Amino acid sequence: MTFLAPYWLFAASAILVPIAIHLWNKRQGKTVKVGSLRWLEASASQRWSSIKLHDVWLLLLRCFILILLAVALAQPVWVHQPKAQGQKAVYVGQELLYNSAREVVQPMVNSLLLRGYSLHTFTAGFPQIPQEAWQQLKNRTQDSTFSSHSNYWSLLPALATKYENPQDSVWLFTSDQQQHFAGTRPEALPENIRWLPIATTATADWLQAAVQTSPDSLLLLVGHSTREGNRYSRYHTSASARSIALPDKQQLRLQLTGDSLQASIGNSTSHVKVQTEPLQVSILASKAQQEEVPYLKAALQAIGSYTGQPISIIADTAKGDWVFWLQQTELPQSIKQRVPQGLQVWVQPGAESSTQKASMALADGSQAAVKQVSFGGDEAAGATALWATTGGEQLLSAAQIGKGMVYTFRSGFSPAWSELSQGGALPELLLPLLFQSPKATQHDLRAVDEQQLMPPVRTSVVAAVAPEAQRESLLKWVVLAAFVLFLIERFIAGRRSKYSHGS
């Protein structure tokens, strides 16, 4: 409660008037000694002549009436300050809902749900998970295979827009798997969003490529992924084999149909085309990028030797399966027209005039220094980042065009450009691109370091303009209370006066 005219509260000092009148009217009169009363001790008459309060409740009523009148003059109002209500939500990445990692986040999610948080999946649109669906997920005993194409870095700005008030509270749980982060990492994360990356221990095995080494023999290239990195193993088997044993005591089940080989392990299934012909590769480099060619050829030769698939370097781009375009000029129309038919094109502009130093994480956990070409907006629409710097910026992006693919590389192979050609890193990076498995990216479980994953800045959330406080006048209620007390005072005073006259 507050007052619009608080200076009128000084009028409450008027209560001194009824107190003074009350004390004055209640003084004892002069005592006349008659008869035997004159022999009473003086102390008795002194006691009767002392000041005493009478009709205390009547005095208090009159004082309170004056106080209420002073409060009424001060114009009391009751202020209602609306309290801002914050939203509370918890978001979980799909990869944590359908596999064993769910057991890690489940207790935390349950605790938040008991505190009134709503549960959503961290996907486009942020759909809510009903309580019944969450209970069903909690009761799962086996992992499920699913394909998630969500890019968590691109979803963060949309999530921040939904919760712009300091009272909002958001918990975000995702894995730290590299496959869920592409493009440029956001620079900042609002303070009201708590992001907890969960370190998963899942592993994955899949068939990356199959090469026919003889009419009755196949060389299988099997990928194995953990959070530490990807590695590939070779297995020689007969074309009629139904399964092969993997080191982790699992069986890779095989089914050959024509030139297509299906491989299944657990709930995961992959299909690859059996390579029966040498891979035809064309390398077209400008004078400025001639130093790149020897390192690229050495990497291709190492891949061919490892996989048992011959790789031929040819000059005729009209017959090649791959074209490495190491030039700043635009792709010729003759090459562009073949991309929808299945041609794979590697574009490497190599513009040294606009570069910046960066580093790239390798499969073995080490990092390679690279020079990154700084150009933006030139990549094809819908391109997906395949290689990235430790700062989250694209090094290699891929755009699907029909059956083919256009790769844009923003660095180089030679030591002047990067350390990728050292230690066998380049063949390991190029191998899954030359021998593509349709679902290989789904099985990629490599982890991103938290320092590379999280936005470097935590921004404070500015409070929205608070709604105006509502004021309700209390004048009528104060006046009514004073009037009621006045009626009570008159009633009591009237009865006192009648009683005095009657006696």
Protein backbone atom coordinates (compact mmCIF):
# COMPACT_ATOMS: atom_id res chain seq x y z
CA MET A 1 0.00 0.00 0.00
CA THR A 2 1.13 3.52 -0.76
CA PHE A 3 -0.26 7.07 -0.47
CA LEU A 4 -0.78 9.66 -3.19
CA ALA A 5 -0.72 12.55 -0.67
CA PRO A 6 1.34 11.24 2.27
CA TYR A 7 1.74 14.72 3.84
CA TRP A 8 -1.86 14.45 5.10
CA LEU A 9 -0.71 11.71 7.48
CA PHE A 10 0.45 14.48 9.80
CA ALA A 11 -3.25 15.10 10.42
CA ALA A 12 -3.21 11.95 12.51
CA SER A 13 -1.68 14.03 15.27
CA ALA A 14 -5.26 15.24 15.91
CA ILE A 15 -5.67 12.24 18.22
CA LEU A 16 -4.04 14.40 20.90
CA VAL A 17 -7.27 16.40 21.09
CA PRO A 18 -9.59 13.62 22.31
CA ILE A 19 -6.87 12.38 24.65
CA ALA A 20 -6.53 15.85 26.22
CA ILE A 21 -10.31 16.27 26.49
CA HIS A 22 -10.65 12.85 28.01
CA LEU A 23 -8.02 13.54 30.64
CA TRP A 24 -9.46 16.96 31.43
CA ASN A 25 -13.03 15.71 31.92
CA LYS A 26 -11.91 12.89 34.18
CA ARG A 27 -10.07 14.98 36.82
CA GLN A 28 -11.44 14.60 40.41
CA GLY A 29 -13.39 17.53 41.87
CA LYS A 30 -12.65 19.26 45.17
CA THR A 31 -13.31 17.10 48.22
CA VAL A 32 -15.26 18.68 51.14
CA LYS A 33 -14.63 17.10 54.49
CA VAL A 34 -17.84 16.57 56.52
CA GLY A 35 -18.53 14.59 59.62
CA SER A 36 -16.16 11.80 60.35
CA LEU A 37 -14.58 12.05 56.86
CA ARG A 38 -12.29 14.80 58.05
CA TRP A 39 -10.44 12.27 60.19
CA LEU A 40 -9.37 10.20 57.16
CA GLU A 41 -5.70 10.19 56.37
CA ALA A 42 -4.43 12.60 53.74
CA SER A 43 -3.02 9.78 51.70
CA ALA A 44 -6.53 8.56 50.87
CA SER A 45 -7.64 11.91 49.40
CA GLN A 46 -4.38 12.14 47.43
CA ARG A 47 -5.11 8.75 45.87
CA TRP A 48 -8.60 9.84 44.79
CA SER A 49 -7.29 13.07 43.28
CA SER A 50 -4.67 11.35 41.02
CA ILE A 51 -5.17 11.31 37.21
CA LYS A 52 -6.77 8.12 35.87
CA LEU A 53 -7.99 6.99 32.41
CA HIS A 54 -11.64 5.99 32.14
CA ASP A 55 -13.60 4.58 29.15
CA VAL A 56 -10.37 3.49 27.47
CA TRP A 57 -12.12 1.67 24.61
CA LEU A 58 -14.19 4.75 23.80
CA LEU A 59 -11.00 6.83 23.71
CA LEU A 60 -9.32 4.37 21.39
CA LEU A 61 -12.32 4.40 19.06
CA ARG A 62 -12.20 8.18 18.75
CA CYS A 63 -8.44 8.16 18.13
CA PHE A 64 -8.75 5.46 15.48
CA ILE A 65 -11.51 7.41 13.71
CA LEU A 66 -9.22 10.44 13.46
CA ILE A 67 -6.35 8.26 12.19
CA LEU A 68 -8.62 6.78 9.50
CA LEU A 69 -9.71 10.28 8.43
CA ALA A 70 -6.03 11.30 8.13
CA VAL A 71 -5.33 8.16 6.06
CA ALA A 72 -8.33 8.98 3.83
CA LEU A 73 -6.95 12.47 3.20
CA ALA A 74 -3.60 10.90 2.23
CA GLN A 75 -5.42 8.95 -0.57
CA PRO A 76 -4.28 5.35 0.02
CA VAL A 77 -3.89 3.03 -2.97
CA TRP A 78 -3.07 -0.68 -3.21
CA VAL A 79 -0.39 -1.44 -5.79
CA HIS A 80 -0.54 -4.79 -7.64
CA GLN A 81 2.82 -5.53 -9.26
CA PRO A 82 2.33 -8.30 -11.87
CA LYS A 83 4.92 -11.02 -11.47
CA ALA A 84 6.69 -12.09 -14.65
CA GLN A 85 6.15 -15.79 -15.31
CA GLY A 86 9.09 -17.57 -16.95
CA GLN A 87 8.92 -20.56 -19.27
CA LYS A 88 10.60 -23.80 -18.24
CA ALA A 89 11.59 -26.39 -20.82
CA VAL A 90 14.07 -29.22 -21.30
CA TYR A 91 15.29 -30.26 -24.77
CA VAL A 92 16.89 -33.58 -25.64
CA GLY A 93 18.66 -34.56 -28.85
CA GLN A 94 17.13 -37.55 -30.62
CA GLU A 95 20.34 -39.56 -30.42
CA LEU A 96 19.96 -39.56 -26.61
CA LEU A 97 16.36 -40.77 -26.70
CA TYR A 98 16.69 -44.00 -28.63
CA ASN A 99 19.93 -45.58 -27.44
CA SER A 100 21.75 -46.49 -24.24
CA ALA A 101 22.74 -42.85 -23.62
CA ARG A 102 19.13 -42.29 -22.53
CA GLU A 103 19.99 -43.86 -19.17
CA VAL A 104 22.46 -41.02 -18.54
CA VAL A 105 20.00 -38.17 -19.07
CA GLN A 106 16.90 -39.95 -17.77
CA PRO A 107 17.33 -39.10 -14.03
CA MET A 108 18.06 -35.45 -14.82
CA VAL A 109 15.08 -35.17 -17.17
CA ASN A 110 12.77 -36.83 -14.62
CA SER A 111 13.89 -34.37 -11.96
CA LEU A 112 13.21 -31.41 -14.23
CA LEU A 113 9.78 -32.75 -15.21
CA LEU A 114 8.84 -32.95 -11.53
CA ARG A 115 9.75 -29.26 -11.23
CA GLY A 116 7.30 -28.29 -13.94
CA TYR A 117 9.50 -28.36 -17.03
CA SER A 118 8.07 -29.40 -20.39
CA LEU A 119 9.96 -31.94 -22.52
CA HIS A 120 10.83 -31.37 -26.20
CA THR A 121 13.04 -32.94 -28.85
CA PHE A 122 15.87 -30.74 -30.11
CA THR A 123 14.82 -30.86 -33.74
CA ALA A 124 13.28 -28.37 -36.18
CA GLY A 125 10.02 -27.06 -34.75
CA PHE A 126 10.92 -28.32 -31.24
CA PRO A 127 7.98 -30.77 -30.92
CA GLN A 128 6.90 -31.59 -27.39
CA ILE A 129 7.18 -35.14 -26.05
CA PRO A 130 3.97 -36.16 -24.24
CA GLN A 131 4.32 -37.75 -20.83
CA GLU A 132 3.03 -41.08 -22.14
CA ALA A 133 5.64 -41.14 -24.93
CA TRP A 134 8.41 -40.36 -22.44
CA GLN A 135 7.32 -43.24 -20.23
CA GLN A 136 7.45 -45.58 -23.22
CA LEU A 137 10.97 -44.40 -24.06
CA LYS A 138 12.04 -44.96 -20.46
CA ASN A 139 10.89 -48.57 -20.64
CA ARG A 140 12.88 -49.43 -23.79
CA THR A 141 15.38 -52.22 -23.27
CA GLN A 142 16.98 -52.14 -26.74
CA ASP A 143 18.46 -49.38 -28.83
CA SER A 144 16.69 -48.23 -31.97
CA THR A 145 18.19 -47.25 -35.29
CA PHE A 146 17.21 -43.80 -36.49
CA SER A 147 18.54 -41.20 -38.86
CA SER A 148 18.83 -37.65 -37.56
CA HIS A 149 19.77 -34.79 -39.86
CA SER A 150 19.51 -32.05 -37.25
CA ASN A 151 22.28 -29.47 -37.16
CA TYR A 152 22.44 -28.35 -33.55
CA TRP A 153 24.44 -25.21 -34.25
CA SER A 154 21.76 -23.98 -36.64
CA LEU A 155 18.99 -24.77 -34.10
CA LEU A 156 20.55 -22.77 -31.27
CA PRO A 157 19.54 -19.28 -32.54
CA ALA A 158 15.94 -20.43 -32.99
CA LEU A 159 15.93 -21.83 -29.44
CA ALA A 160 17.32 -18.60 -28.02
CA THR A 161 14.58 -16.61 -29.78
CA LYS A 162 11.88 -18.65 -27.99
CA TYR A 163 13.25 -17.81 -24.55
CA GLU A 164 14.22 -14.15 -24.39
CA ASN A 165 13.23 -13.39 -20.78
CA PRO A 166 15.59 -13.74 -17.80
CA GLN A 167 12.87 -15.71 -15.98
CA ASP A 168 12.96 -18.42 -18.66
CA SER A 169 14.90 -21.56 -17.83
CA VAL A 170 16.04 -24.02 -20.50
CA TRP A 171 18.07 -27.21 -20.16
CA LEU A 172 19.56 -28.68 -23.33
CA PHE A 173 20.97 -32.22 -23.54
CA THR A 174 22.71 -33.39 -26.71
CA SER A 175 25.54 -35.74 -27.55
CA ASP A 176 28.94 -34.42 -28.58
CA GLN A 177 28.98 -36.41 -31.82
CA GLN A 178 30.52 -34.57 -34.74
CA GLN A 179 27.75 -35.60 -37.16
CA HIS A 180 25.28 -33.25 -35.43
CA PHE A 181 27.38 -30.10 -35.89
CA ALA A 182 27.91 -28.46 -39.25
CA GLY A 183 28.49 -24.99 -40.63
CA THR A 184 29.59 -22.09 -38.47
CA ARG A 185 29.44 -22.35 -34.70
CA PRO A 186 27.29 -19.62 -33.04
CA GLU A 187 29.34 -16.97 -31.31
CA ALA A 188 27.18 -16.70 -28.19
CA LEU A 189 24.76 -18.65 -26.02
CA PRO A 190 22.21 -16.94 -23.70
CA GLU A 191 22.77 -17.43 -19.99
CA ASN A 192 19.29 -18.83 -19.42
CA ILE A 193 20.09 -21.85 -21.64
CA ARG A 194 22.14 -24.54 -19.87
CA TRP A 195 23.69 -26.84 -22.47
CA LEU A 196 25.09 -30.16 -21.26
CA PRO A 197 26.88 -32.21 -23.96
CA ILE A 198 26.72 -35.92 -23.07
CA ALA A 199 29.75 -38.07 -23.84
CA THR A 200 28.42 -41.22 -25.48
CA THR A 201 30.29 -44.53 -25.51
CA ALA A 202 28.46 -46.06 -28.46
CA THR A 203 30.33 -47.79 -31.29
CA ALA A 204 29.29 -48.52 -34.87
CA ASP A 205 30.40 -50.90 -37.62
CA TRP A 206 29.36 -50.64 -41.26
CA LEU A 207 30.37 -51.71 -44.75
CA GLN A 208 32.13 -48.81 -46.48
CA ALA A 209 33.14 -50.43 -49.77
CA ALA A 210 33.37 -53.78 -51.58
CA VAL A 211 35.89 -54.47 -54.38
CA GLN A 212 35.81 -57.56 -56.59
CA THR A 213 39.40 -58.74 -56.71
CA SER A 214 38.60 -61.93 -58.66
CA PRO A 215 35.45 -63.57 -60.03
CA ASP A 216 34.91 -65.41 -56.74
CA SER A 217 36.60 -63.07 -54.24
CA LEU A 218 35.68 -59.79 -52.58
CA LEU A 219 37.71 -57.32 -50.56
CA LEU A 220 35.46 -55.68 -47.97
CA LEU A 221 36.31 -52.37 -46.35
CA VAL A 222 34.54 -52.23 -42.98
CA GLY A 223 34.37 -49.02 -40.99
CA HIS A 224 34.48 -48.88 -37.20
CA SER A 225 33.59 -45.66 -35.37
CA THR A 226 34.02 -44.61 -31.74
CA ARG A 227 34.13 -41.22 -30.08
CA GLU A 228 37.91 -41.21 -30.52
CA GLY A 229 37.79 -41.60 -34.32
CA ASN A 230 37.08 -43.77 -37.37
CA ARG A 231 39.19 -46.61 -38.69
CA TYR A 232 38.83 -49.08 -41.52
CA SER A 233 39.63 -52.78 -41.71
CA ARG A 234 40.00 -55.03 -44.75
CA TYR A 235 38.44 -58.46 -45.01
CA HIS A 236 39.01 -60.92 -47.88
CA THR A 237 36.07 -63.22 -48.40
CA SER A 238 34.43 -65.28 -51.10
CA ALA A 239 31.60 -63.79 -53.14
CA SER A 240 29.25 -66.47 -51.79
CA ALA A 241 30.03 -65.80 -48.11
CA ARG A 242 27.01 -65.15 -45.90
CA SER A 243 28.84 -63.55 -42.99
CA ILE A 244 32.21 -62.56 -41.61
CA ALA A 245 33.36 -62.32 -37.99
CA LEU A 246 34.40 -58.93 -36.66
CA PRO A 247 36.95 -58.43 -33.85
CA ASP A 248 34.26 -57.40 -31.35
CA LYS A 249 32.64 -60.86 -31.66
CA GLN A 250 29.89 -59.59 -33.93
CA GLN A 251 28.83 -61.09 -37.23
CA LEU A 252 28.54 -58.98 -40.37
CA ARG A 253 25.79 -60.66 -42.38
CA LEU A 254 26.15 -60.39 -46.18
CA GLN A 255 23.77 -60.75 -49.09
CA LEU A 256 24.97 -60.24 -52.66
CA THR A 257 22.36 -59.32 -55.26
CA GLY A 258 23.79 -58.53 -58.68
CA ASP A 259 26.40 -55.82 -58.18
CA SER A 260 24.87 -54.67 -54.86
CA LEU A 261 26.07 -56.02 -51.52
CA GLN A 262 23.93 -55.70 -48.40
CA ALA A 263 25.65 -55.86 -45.01
CA SER A 264 23.80 -56.07 -41.69
CA ILE A 265 25.04 -55.92 -38.14
CA GLY A 266 22.59 -55.70 -35.28
CA ASN A 267 19.81 -53.29 -36.29
CA SER A 268 22.02 -51.51 -38.82
CA THR A 269 21.97 -52.26 -42.54
CA SER A 270 24.09 -50.74 -45.31
CA HIS A 271 24.25 -51.22 -49.09
CA VAL A 272 27.24 -50.64 -51.35
CA LYS A 273 27.91 -51.19 -55.01
CA VAL A 274 30.58 -53.78 -55.68
CA GLN A 275 33.47 -52.10 -57.49
CA THR A 276 34.47 -54.15 -60.51
CA GLU A 277 36.22 -51.51 -62.65
CA PRO A 278 39.18 -49.23 -61.88
CA LEU A 279 38.25 -45.79 -60.54
CA GLN A 280 38.85 -43.12 -63.20
CA VAL A 281 40.14 -39.81 -61.78
CA SER A 282 40.96 -36.60 -63.66
CA ILE A 283 43.15 -33.91 -62.09
CA LEU A 284 43.02 -30.46 -63.72
CA ALA A 285 45.29 -28.01 -61.92
CA SER A 286 46.27 -24.46 -62.76
CA LYS A 287 49.91 -23.38 -62.73
CA ALA A 288 49.46 -21.87 -59.26
CA GLN A 289 48.32 -25.24 -57.86
CA GLN A 290 50.72 -27.63 -59.58
CA GLU A 291 52.38 -28.27 -56.20
CA GLU A 292 49.14 -29.86 -55.03
CA VAL A 293 49.14 -32.58 -57.68
CA PRO A 294 51.97 -34.85 -56.37
CA TYR A 295 50.43 -35.01 -52.88
CA LEU A 296 46.99 -35.76 -54.29
CA LYS A 297 48.35 -38.51 -56.56
CA ALA A 298 50.27 -40.06 -53.66
CA ALA A 299 47.11 -40.15 -51.55
CA LEU A 300 45.11 -41.75 -54.39
CA GLN A 301 47.82 -44.37 -54.91
CA ALA A 302 47.81 -45.21 -51.19
CA ILE A 303 44.02 -45.60 -51.20
CA GLY A 304 44.14 -47.87 -54.27
CA SER A 305 46.81 -50.03 -52.69
CA TYR A 306 44.90 -50.34 -49.42
CA THR A 307 41.49 -51.12 -50.91
CA GLY A 308 42.68 -53.27 -53.78
CA GLN A 309 40.74 -51.02 -56.14
CA PRO A 310 42.92 -49.70 -59.00
CA ILE A 311 42.73 -45.92 -59.40
CA SER A 312 43.65 -44.57 -62.84
CA ILE A 313 44.67 -40.95 -63.40
CA ILE A 314 43.30 -39.90 -66.79
CA ALA A 315 43.22 -36.63 -68.69
CA ASP A 316 39.82 -37.11 -70.37
CA THR A 317 37.19 -35.60 -68.07
CA ALA A 318 34.42 -37.06 -70.20
CA LYS A 319 35.23 -40.59 -68.98
CA GLY A 320 36.24 -39.98 -65.38
CA ASP A 321 34.33 -40.94 -62.23
CA TRP A 322 36.03 -38.10 -60.36
CA VAL A 323 37.28 -34.66 -61.42
CA PHE A 324 39.63 -32.65 -59.20
CA TRP A 325 39.29 -29.03 -60.36
CA LEU A 326 42.25 -27.23 -58.77
CA GLN A 327 41.67 -23.86 -60.39
CA GLN A 328 40.15 -20.50 -59.51
CA THR A 329 38.12 -20.38 -62.73
CA GLU A 330 34.55 -21.58 -62.81
CA LEU A 331 33.73 -25.17 -63.67
CA PRO A 332 33.19 -25.72 -67.42
CA GLN A 333 29.64 -26.39 -68.50
CA SER A 334 30.66 -29.81 -69.85
CA ILE A 335 31.61 -30.93 -66.35
CA LYS A 336 28.56 -29.38 -64.68
CA GLN A 337 26.24 -31.28 -67.01
CA ARG A 338 27.69 -34.62 -65.93
CA VAL A 339 27.26 -34.07 -62.20
CA PRO A 340 23.53 -35.02 -62.07
CA GLN A 341 24.44 -38.25 -63.85
CA GLY A 342 26.79 -39.30 -61.04
CA LEU A 343 30.07 -37.43 -61.58
CA GLN A 344 31.94 -36.46 -58.41
CA VAL A 345 33.68 -33.07 -58.61
CA TRP A 346 36.29 -31.61 -56.24
CA VAL A 347 36.59 -27.81 -56.47
CA GLN A 348 39.65 -26.21 -54.90
CA PRO A 349 39.98 -22.47 -55.67
CA GLY A 350 43.26 -21.98 -53.79
CA ALA A 351 43.05 -18.18 -53.48
CA GLU A 352 46.07 -17.44 -51.28
CA SER A 353 45.32 -13.72 -51.18
CA SER A 354 42.55 -14.24 -48.61
CA THR A 355 43.55 -16.92 -46.13
CA GLN A 356 43.60 -17.33 -42.39
CA LYS A 357 45.41 -19.79 -40.14
CA ALA A 358 43.34 -22.54 -38.56
CA SER A 359 43.58 -26.16 -37.48
CA MET A 360 41.64 -29.32 -38.20
CA ALA A 361 41.04 -32.29 -35.92
CA LEU A 362 42.19 -35.64 -37.34
CA ALA A 363 40.88 -39.15 -36.77
CA ASP A 364 43.68 -40.07 -34.34
CA GLY A 365 42.85 -37.14 -32.06
CA SER A 366 45.70 -34.91 -33.25
CA GLN A 367 45.33 -31.61 -35.10
CA ALA A 368 46.72 -30.46 -38.41
CA ALA A 369 47.50 -26.83 -39.16
CA VAL A 370 45.76 -25.52 -42.27
CA LYS A 371 45.37 -22.31 -44.21
CA GLN A 372 41.69 -21.63 -44.73
CA VAL A 373 40.46 -19.67 -47.74
CA SER A 374 38.18 -16.93 -46.48
CA PHE A 375 35.30 -16.66 -48.88
CA GLY A 376 31.63 -16.69 -48.04
CA GLY A 377 28.45 -17.22 -49.96
CA ASP A 378 30.16 -19.01 -52.89
CA GLU A 379 29.22 -22.51 -51.82
CA ALA A 380 26.20 -24.22 -53.30
CA ALA A 381 22.90 -23.86 -51.54
CA GLY A 382 22.18 -26.73 -49.14
CA ALA A 383 25.84 -27.74 -48.90
CA THR A 384 26.76 -29.94 -45.95
CA ALA A 385 30.00 -29.45 -44.03
CA LEU A 386 32.19 -32.58 -44.05
CA TRP A 387 35.47 -31.21 -42.71
CA ALA A 388 35.65 -28.28 -40.35
CA THR A 389 38.23 -26.31 -38.44
CA THR A 390 38.48 -26.61 -34.70
CA GLY A 391 36.62 -23.28 -34.58
CA GLY A 392 33.64 -24.80 -36.39
CA GLU A 393 34.16 -23.17 -39.80
CA GLN A 394 33.84 -25.16 -43.01
CA LEU A 395 36.88 -26.58 -44.75
CA LEU A 396 35.12 -29.06 -47.02
CA SER A 397 31.46 -28.85 -47.95
CA ALA A 398 29.42 -31.11 -50.23
CA ALA A 399 26.33 -30.34 -52.28
CA GLN A 400 24.22 -33.16 -53.73
CA ILE A 401 23.17 -32.55 -57.36
CA GLY A 402 21.20 -35.45 -58.77
CA LYS A 403 23.32 -38.59 -58.47
CA GLY A 404 26.56 -36.63 -58.25
CA MET A 405 28.25 -34.42 -55.69
CA VAL A 406 30.21 -31.17 -55.77
CA TYR A 407 32.85 -30.82 -53.04
CA THR A 408 34.31 -27.40 -52.24
CA PHE A 409 37.65 -27.44 -50.41
CA ARG A 410 38.84 -24.23 -48.78
CA SER A 411 42.46 -25.22 -48.26
CA GLY A 412 45.14 -27.36 -49.94
CA PHE A 413 47.22 -30.54 -49.70
CA SER A 414 50.81 -29.30 -50.04
CA PRO A 415 52.89 -28.27 -47.00
CA ALA A 416 52.49 -24.64 -48.04
CA TRP A 417 48.79 -25.03 -47.36
CA SER A 418 48.39 -27.65 -44.66
CA GLU A 419 49.82 -30.59 -42.73
CA LEU A 420 47.20 -32.98 -44.17
CA SER A 421 49.72 -34.68 -46.44
CA GLN A 422 51.87 -35.69 -43.48
CA GLY A 423 51.45 -38.95 -41.54
CA GLY A 424 48.87 -40.56 -43.81
CA ALA A 425 46.03 -38.21 -42.82
CA LEU A 426 45.08 -37.32 -46.39
CA PRO A 427 44.37 -40.91 -47.60
CA GLU A 428 42.25 -41.52 -44.49
CA LEU A 429 40.25 -38.37 -45.21
CA LEU A 430 39.75 -39.04 -48.92
CA LEU A 431 38.97 -42.77 -48.70
CA PRO A 432 35.33 -42.48 -47.47
CA LEU A 433 34.70 -39.87 -50.18
CA LEU A 434 36.05 -41.98 -53.05
CA PHE A 435 34.25 -45.09 -51.80
CA GLN A 436 30.96 -43.77 -50.55
CA SER A 437 28.56 -45.69 -48.37
CA PRO A 438 25.03 -44.21 -48.41
CA LYS A 439 24.68 -44.34 -44.60
CA ALA A 440 28.30 -43.88 -43.57
CA THR A 441 27.65 -40.47 -42.00
CA GLN A 442 24.92 -42.00 -39.86
CA HIS A 443 27.50 -44.34 -38.28
CA ASP A 444 30.05 -41.59 -37.65
CA LEU A 445 30.28 -41.35 -33.85
CA ARG A 446 33.37 -39.17 -33.55
CA ALA A 447 33.16 -36.62 -30.75
CA VAL A 448 33.82 -32.89 -30.84
CA ASP A 449 35.85 -31.37 -28.04
CA GLU A 450 33.59 -29.32 -25.76
CA GLN A 451 35.72 -26.20 -26.26
CA GLN A 452 35.11 -26.48 -30.01
CA LEU A 453 31.45 -27.36 -29.60
CA MET A 454 30.22 -24.70 -27.17
CA PRO A 455 29.81 -21.03 -28.23
CA PRO A 456 32.67 -19.08 -26.64
CA VAL A 457 30.51 -16.27 -25.19
CA ARG A 458 27.68 -16.41 -22.65
CA THR A 459 25.35 -13.43 -23.13
CA SER A 460 23.06 -11.98 -20.50
CA VAL A 461 19.35 -11.84 -21.26
CA VAL A 462 17.88 -8.34 -21.10
CA ALA A 463 14.67 -8.14 -19.11
CA ALA A 464 11.62 -7.19 -21.10
CA VAL A 465 9.70 -4.03 -20.20
CA ALA A 466 7.65 -4.93 -17.16
CA PRO A 467 3.89 -4.33 -17.39
CA GLU A 468 2.57 -1.33 -15.49
CA ALA A 469 1.60 -1.94 -11.91
CA GLN A 470 -2.15 -1.84 -11.26
CA ARG A 471 -3.38 0.60 -8.62
CA GLU A 472 -6.60 0.25 -6.67
CA SER A 473 -7.88 3.14 -4.55
CA LEU A 474 -8.67 2.27 -0.93
CA LEU A 475 -10.35 5.63 -0.14
CA LYS A 476 -13.92 4.34 -0.09
CA TRP A 477 -12.99 1.47 2.20
CA VAL A 478 -11.13 3.74 4.64
CA VAL A 479 -14.06 6.21 4.76
CA LEU A 480 -16.51 3.36 5.25
CA ALA A 481 -14.42 1.96 8.12
CA ALA A 482 -14.27 5.43 9.74
CA PHE A 483 -18.05 5.83 9.37
CA VAL A 484 -18.72 2.42 10.95
CA LEU A 485 -16.39 3.22 13.86
CA PHE A 486 -18.14 6.58 14.26
CA LEU A 487 -21.53 4.87 14.57
CA ILE A 488 -20.12 2.47 17.15
CA GLU A 489 -18.57 5.35 19.07
CA ARG A 490 -21.88 7.28 19.10
CA PHE A 491 -23.74 4.19 20.27
CA ILE A 492 -21.32 3.53 23.14
CA ALA A 493 -21.18 7.21 24.12
CA GLY A 494 -25.00 7.42 24.13
CA ARG A 495 -25.34 4.44 26.38
CA ARG A 496 -22.68 5.82 28.76
CA SER A 497 -24.50 9.13 28.98
CA LYS A 498 -27.91 7.46 29.62
CA TYR A 499 -26.38 5.29 32.31
CA SER A 500 -24.78 8.31 34.01
CA HIS A 501 -28.07 10.25 34.07
CA GLY A 502 -29.97 7.22 35.36
CA SER A 503 -27.66 6.80 38.30
